Amino acid sequence: MPIASDVDCAGGSGNGPAYVQGPVRVIGTDVYGLDHDNDGVGCEQRD
């Protein structure tokens, strides 16, 4: 069940309304689109 209408990575370009500080483990369907490289970890720091 979603915790908000949208969750984005803190410090990114997303507009919320909720934010998460990563990295976070993504289990099941990535409903918020946090795991851009599909490795099971969302909000990873990108170089």
PDB file of N, CA and C in Angstrom:
ATOM      1  N   MET A   1       0.839  -1.180   0.000  1.00  0.00           N
ATOM      2  CA  MET A   1       0.000   0.000   0.000  1.00  0.00           C
ATOM      3  C   MET A   1       0.883   1.242   0.000  1.00  0.00           C
ATOM      4  N   PRO A   2       0.626   2.187  -0.867  1.00  0.00           N
ATOM      5  CA  PRO A   2       1.431   3.415  -0.933  1.00  0.00           C
ATOM      6  C   PRO A   2       1.337   4.228   0.357  1.00  0.00           C
ATOM      7  N   ILE A   3       2.447   4.881   0.716  1.00  0.00           N
ATOM      8  CA  ILE A   3       2.444   5.745   1.890  1.00  0.00           C
ATOM      9  C   ILE A   3       2.102   7.187   1.538  1.00  0.00           C
ATOM     10  N   ALA A   4       2.175   7.527   0.258  1.00  0.00           N
ATOM     11  CA  ALA A   4       1.850   8.875  -0.218  1.00  0.00           C
ATOM     12  C   ALA A   4       1.526   8.761  -1.704  1.00  0.00           C
ATOM     13  N   SER A   5       0.972   9.823  -2.264  1.00  0.00           N
ATOM     14  CA  SER A   5       0.656   9.790  -3.686  1.00  0.00           C
ATOM     15  C   SER A   5       1.919   9.683  -4.540  1.00  0.00           C
ATOM     16  N   ASP A   6       3.057  10.187  -4.024  1.00  0.00           N
ATOM     17  CA  ASP A   6       4.339  10.062  -4.705  1.00  0.00           C
ATOM     18  C   ASP A   6       5.443  10.186  -3.669  1.00  0.00           C
ATOM     19  N   VAL A   7       6.491   9.411  -3.845  1.00  0.00           N
ATOM     20  CA  VAL A   7       7.679   9.484  -3.000  1.00  0.00           C
ATOM     21  C   VAL A   7       8.866   9.669  -3.928  1.00  0.00           C
ATOM     22  N   ASP A   8       9.722  10.625  -3.615  1.00  0.00           N
ATOM     23  CA  ASP A   8      10.909  10.897  -4.415  1.00  0.00           C
ATOM     24  C   ASP A   8      12.148  10.819  -3.532  1.00  0.00           C
ATOM     25  N   CYS A   9      13.302  10.684  -4.166  1.00  0.00           N
ATOM     26  CA  CYS A   9      14.562  10.661  -3.443  1.00  0.00           C
ATOM     27  C   CYS A   9      14.881  12.070  -2.941  1.00  0.00           C
ATOM     28  N   ALA A  10      15.240  12.163  -1.670  1.00  0.00           N
ATOM     29  CA  ALA A  10      15.620  13.456  -1.094  1.00  0.00           C
ATOM     30  C   ALA A  10      16.821  14.019  -1.843  1.00  0.00           C
ATOM     31  N   GLY A  11      16.792  15.300  -2.120  1.00  0.00           N
ATOM     32  CA  GLY A  11      17.895  15.947  -2.815  1.00  0.00           C
ATOM     33  C   GLY A  11      17.848  15.798  -4.323  1.00  0.00           C
ATOM     34  N   GLY A  12      16.858  15.089  -4.843  1.00  0.00           N
ATOM     35  CA  GLY A  12      16.720  14.915  -6.288  1.00  0.00           C
ATOM     36  C   GLY A  12      15.821  15.976  -6.889  1.00  0.00           C
ATOM     37  N   SER A  13      15.383  15.737  -8.099  1.00  0.00           N
ATOM     38  CA  SER A  13      14.562  16.723  -8.803  1.00  0.00           C
ATOM     39  C   SER A  13      13.068  16.470  -8.651  1.00  0.00           C
ATOM     40  N   GLY A  14      12.687  15.445  -7.876  1.00  0.00           N
ATOM     41  CA  GLY A  14      11.275  15.123  -7.698  1.00  0.00           C
ATOM     42  C   GLY A  14      10.539  16.173  -6.884  1.00  0.00           C
ATOM     43  N   ASN A  15       9.210  16.182  -7.034  1.00  0.00           N
ATOM     44  CA  ASN A  15       8.396  17.211  -6.381  1.00  0.00           C
ATOM     45  C   ASN A  15       7.536  16.671  -5.241  1.00  0.00           C
ATOM     46  N   GLY A  16       7.866  15.477  -4.720  1.00  0.00           N
ATOM     47  CA  GLY A  16       7.167  14.932  -3.547  1.00  0.00           C
ATOM     48  C   GLY A  16       5.725  14.574  -3.811  1.00  0.00           C
ATOM     49  N   PRO A  17       4.896  14.548  -2.818  1.00  0.00           N
ATOM     50  CA  PRO A  17       4.946  15.257  -1.544  1.00  0.00           C
ATOM     51  C   PRO A  17       5.792  14.593  -0.466  1.00  0.00           C
ATOM     52  N   ALA A  18       6.253  13.358  -0.644  1.00  0.00           N
ATOM     53  CA  ALA A  18       7.072  12.687   0.360  1.00  0.00           C
ATOM     54  C   ALA A  18       8.456  12.414  -0.218  1.00  0.00           C
ATOM     55  N   TYR A  19       9.449  12.386   0.664  1.00  0.00           N
ATOM     56  CA  TYR A  19      10.829  12.161   0.246  1.00  0.00           C
ATOM     57  C   TYR A  19      11.463  11.103   1.139  1.00  0.00           C
ATOM     58  N   VAL A  20      12.408  10.332   0.574  1.00  0.00           N
ATOM     59  CA  VAL A  20      13.134   9.324   1.324  1.00  0.00           C
ATOM     60  C   VAL A  20      14.622   9.536   1.099  1.00  0.00           C
ATOM     61  N   GLN A  21      15.394   9.397   2.180  1.00  0.00           N
ATOM     62  CA  GLN A  21      16.850   9.484   2.091  1.00  0.00           C
ATOM     63  C   GLN A  21      17.365   8.088   1.808  1.00  0.00           C
ATOM     64  N   GLY A  22      18.130   7.919   0.746  1.00  0.00           N
ATOM     65  CA  GLY A  22      18.586   6.592   0.366  1.00  0.00           C
ATOM     66  C   GLY A  22      19.994   6.311   0.812  1.00  0.00           C
ATOM     67  N   PRO A  23      20.480   5.134   0.511  1.00  0.00           N
ATOM     68  CA  PRO A  23      19.828   4.130  -0.325  1.00  0.00           C
ATOM     69  C   PRO A  23      18.733   3.365   0.423  1.00  0.00           C
ATOM     70  N   VAL A  24      17.737   2.895  -0.331  1.00  0.00           N
ATOM     71  CA  VAL A  24      16.641   2.104   0.219  1.00  0.00           C
ATOM     72  C   VAL A  24      16.470   0.843  -0.621  1.00  0.00           C
ATOM     73  N   ARG A  25      16.075  -0.256   0.036  1.00  0.00           N
ATOM     74  CA  ARG A  25      15.820  -1.511  -0.683  1.00  0.00           C
ATOM     75  C   ARG A  25      14.435  -1.430  -1.317  1.00  0.00           C
ATOM     76  N   VAL A  26      14.345  -1.739  -2.601  1.00  0.00           N
ATOM     77  CA  VAL A  26      13.070  -1.753  -3.317  1.00  0.00           C
ATOM     78  C   VAL A  26      12.632  -3.202  -3.455  1.00  0.00           C
ATOM     79  N   ILE A  27      11.483  -3.539  -2.863  1.00  0.00           N
ATOM     80  CA  ILE A  27      10.962  -4.897  -2.882  1.00  0.00           C
ATOM     81  C   ILE A  27       9.676  -4.910  -3.692  1.00  0.00           C
ATOM     82  N   GLY A  28       9.559  -5.841  -4.619  1.00  0.00           N
ATOM     83  CA  GLY A  28       8.361  -5.913  -5.448  1.00  0.00           C
ATOM     84  C   GLY A  28       8.385  -4.852  -6.535  1.00  0.00           C
ATOM     85  N   THR A  29       7.208  -4.377  -6.894  1.00  0.00           N
ATOM     86  CA  THR A  29       7.081  -3.377  -7.949  1.00  0.00           C
ATOM     87  C   THR A  29       7.576  -2.027  -7.456  1.00  0.00           C
ATOM     88  N   ASP A  30       8.375  -1.363  -8.254  1.00  0.00           N
ATOM     89  CA  ASP A  30       8.930  -0.045  -7.915  1.00  0.00           C
ATOM     90  C   ASP A  30       7.898   1.031  -8.258  1.00  0.00           C
ATOM     91  N   VAL A  31       6.836   1.117  -7.449  1.00  0.00           N
ATOM     92  CA  VAL A  31       5.714   2.010  -7.766  1.00  0.00           C
ATOM     93  C   VAL A  31       6.104   3.484  -7.791  1.00  0.00           C
ATOM     94  N   TYR A  32       7.164   3.850  -7.086  1.00  0.00           N
ATOM     95  CA  TYR A  32       7.581   5.258  -7.050  1.00  0.00           C
ATOM     96  C   TYR A  32       8.725   5.571  -8.013  1.00  0.00           C
ATOM     97  N   GLY A  33       9.256   4.572  -8.709  1.00  0.00           N
ATOM     98  CA  GLY A  33      10.338   4.804  -9.670  1.00  0.00           C
ATOM     99  C   GLY A  33      11.630   5.248  -9.006  1.00  0.00           C
ATOM    100  N   LEU A  34      11.960   4.658  -7.860  1.00  0.00           N
ATOM    101  CA  LEU A  34      13.173   5.051  -7.133  1.00  0.00           C
ATOM    102  C   LEU A  34      14.406   4.276  -7.582  1.00  0.00           C
ATOM    103  N   ASP A  35      14.219   3.103  -8.187  1.00  0.00           N
ATOM    104  CA  ASP A  35      15.323   2.213  -8.578  1.00  0.00           C
ATOM    105  C   ASP A  35      15.546   2.307 -10.079  1.00  0.00           C
ATOM    106  N   HIS A  36      16.255   3.336 -10.502  1.00  0.00           N
ATOM    107  CA  HIS A  36      16.411   3.612 -11.932  1.00  0.00           C
ATOM    108  C   HIS A  36      17.235   2.569 -12.683  1.00  0.00           C
ATOM    109  N   ASP A  37      18.139   1.867 -11.973  1.00  0.00           N
ATOM    110  CA  ASP A  37      18.938   0.860 -12.676  1.00  0.00           C
ATOM    111  C   ASP A  37      18.476  -0.572 -12.378  1.00  0.00           C
ATOM    112  N   ASN A  38      17.324  -0.707 -11.714  1.00  0.00           N
ATOM    113  CA  ASN A  38      16.694  -2.015 -11.468  1.00  0.00           C
ATOM    114  C   ASN A  38      17.605  -3.017 -10.760  1.00  0.00           C
ATOM    115  N   ASP A  39      18.412  -2.543  -9.799  1.00  0.00           N
ATOM    116  CA  ASP A  39      19.278  -3.458  -9.042  1.00  0.00           C
ATOM    117  C   ASP A  39      18.728  -3.759  -7.648  1.00  0.00           C
ATOM    118  N   GLY A  40      17.508  -3.292  -7.355  1.00  0.00           N
ATOM    119  CA  GLY A  40      16.895  -3.553  -6.056  1.00  0.00           C
ATOM    120  C   GLY A  40      17.217  -2.509  -4.997  1.00  0.00           C
ATOM    121  N   VAL A  41      17.995  -1.496  -5.369  1.00  0.00           N
ATOM    122  CA  VAL A  41      18.353  -0.422  -4.441  1.00  0.00           C
ATOM    123  C   VAL A  41      17.943   0.902  -5.061  1.00  0.00           C
ATOM    124  N   GLY A  42      17.126   1.668  -4.327  1.00  0.00           N
ATOM    125  CA  GLY A  42      16.671   2.964  -4.821  1.00  0.00           C
ATOM    126  C   GLY A  42      17.385   4.106  -4.138  1.00  0.00           C
ATOM    127  N   CYS A  43      17.351   5.248  -4.765  1.00  0.00           N
ATOM    128  CA  CYS A  43      17.943   6.485  -4.248  1.00  0.00           C
ATOM    129  C   CYS A  43      19.434   6.340  -3.987  1.00  0.00           C
ATOM    130  N   GLU A  44      20.104   5.606  -4.864  1.00  0.00           N
ATOM    131  CA  GLU A  44      21.561   5.495  -4.771  1.00  0.00           C
ATOM    132  C   GLU A  44      22.188   6.802  -5.212  1.00  0.00           C
ATOM    133  N   GLN A  45      23.315   7.104  -4.615  1.00  0.00           N
ATOM    134  CA  GLN A  45      24.031   8.309  -5.033  1.00  0.00           C
ATOM    135  C   GLN A  45      24.603   8.076  -6.427  1.00  0.00           C
ATOM    136  N   ARG A  46      24.351   8.991  -7.313  1.00  0.00           N
ATOM    137  CA  ARG A  46      24.864   8.868  -8.691  1.00  0.00           C
ATOM    138  C   ARG A  46      26.073   9.765  -8.854  1.00  0.00           C
ATOM    139  N   ASP A  47      27.055   9.276  -9.602  1.00  0.00           N
ATOM    140  CA  ASP A  47      28.268  10.080  -9.864  1.00  0.00           C
ATOM    141  C   ASP A  47      28.068  10.912 -11.092  1.00  0.00           C
TER     142      ASP A  47
END
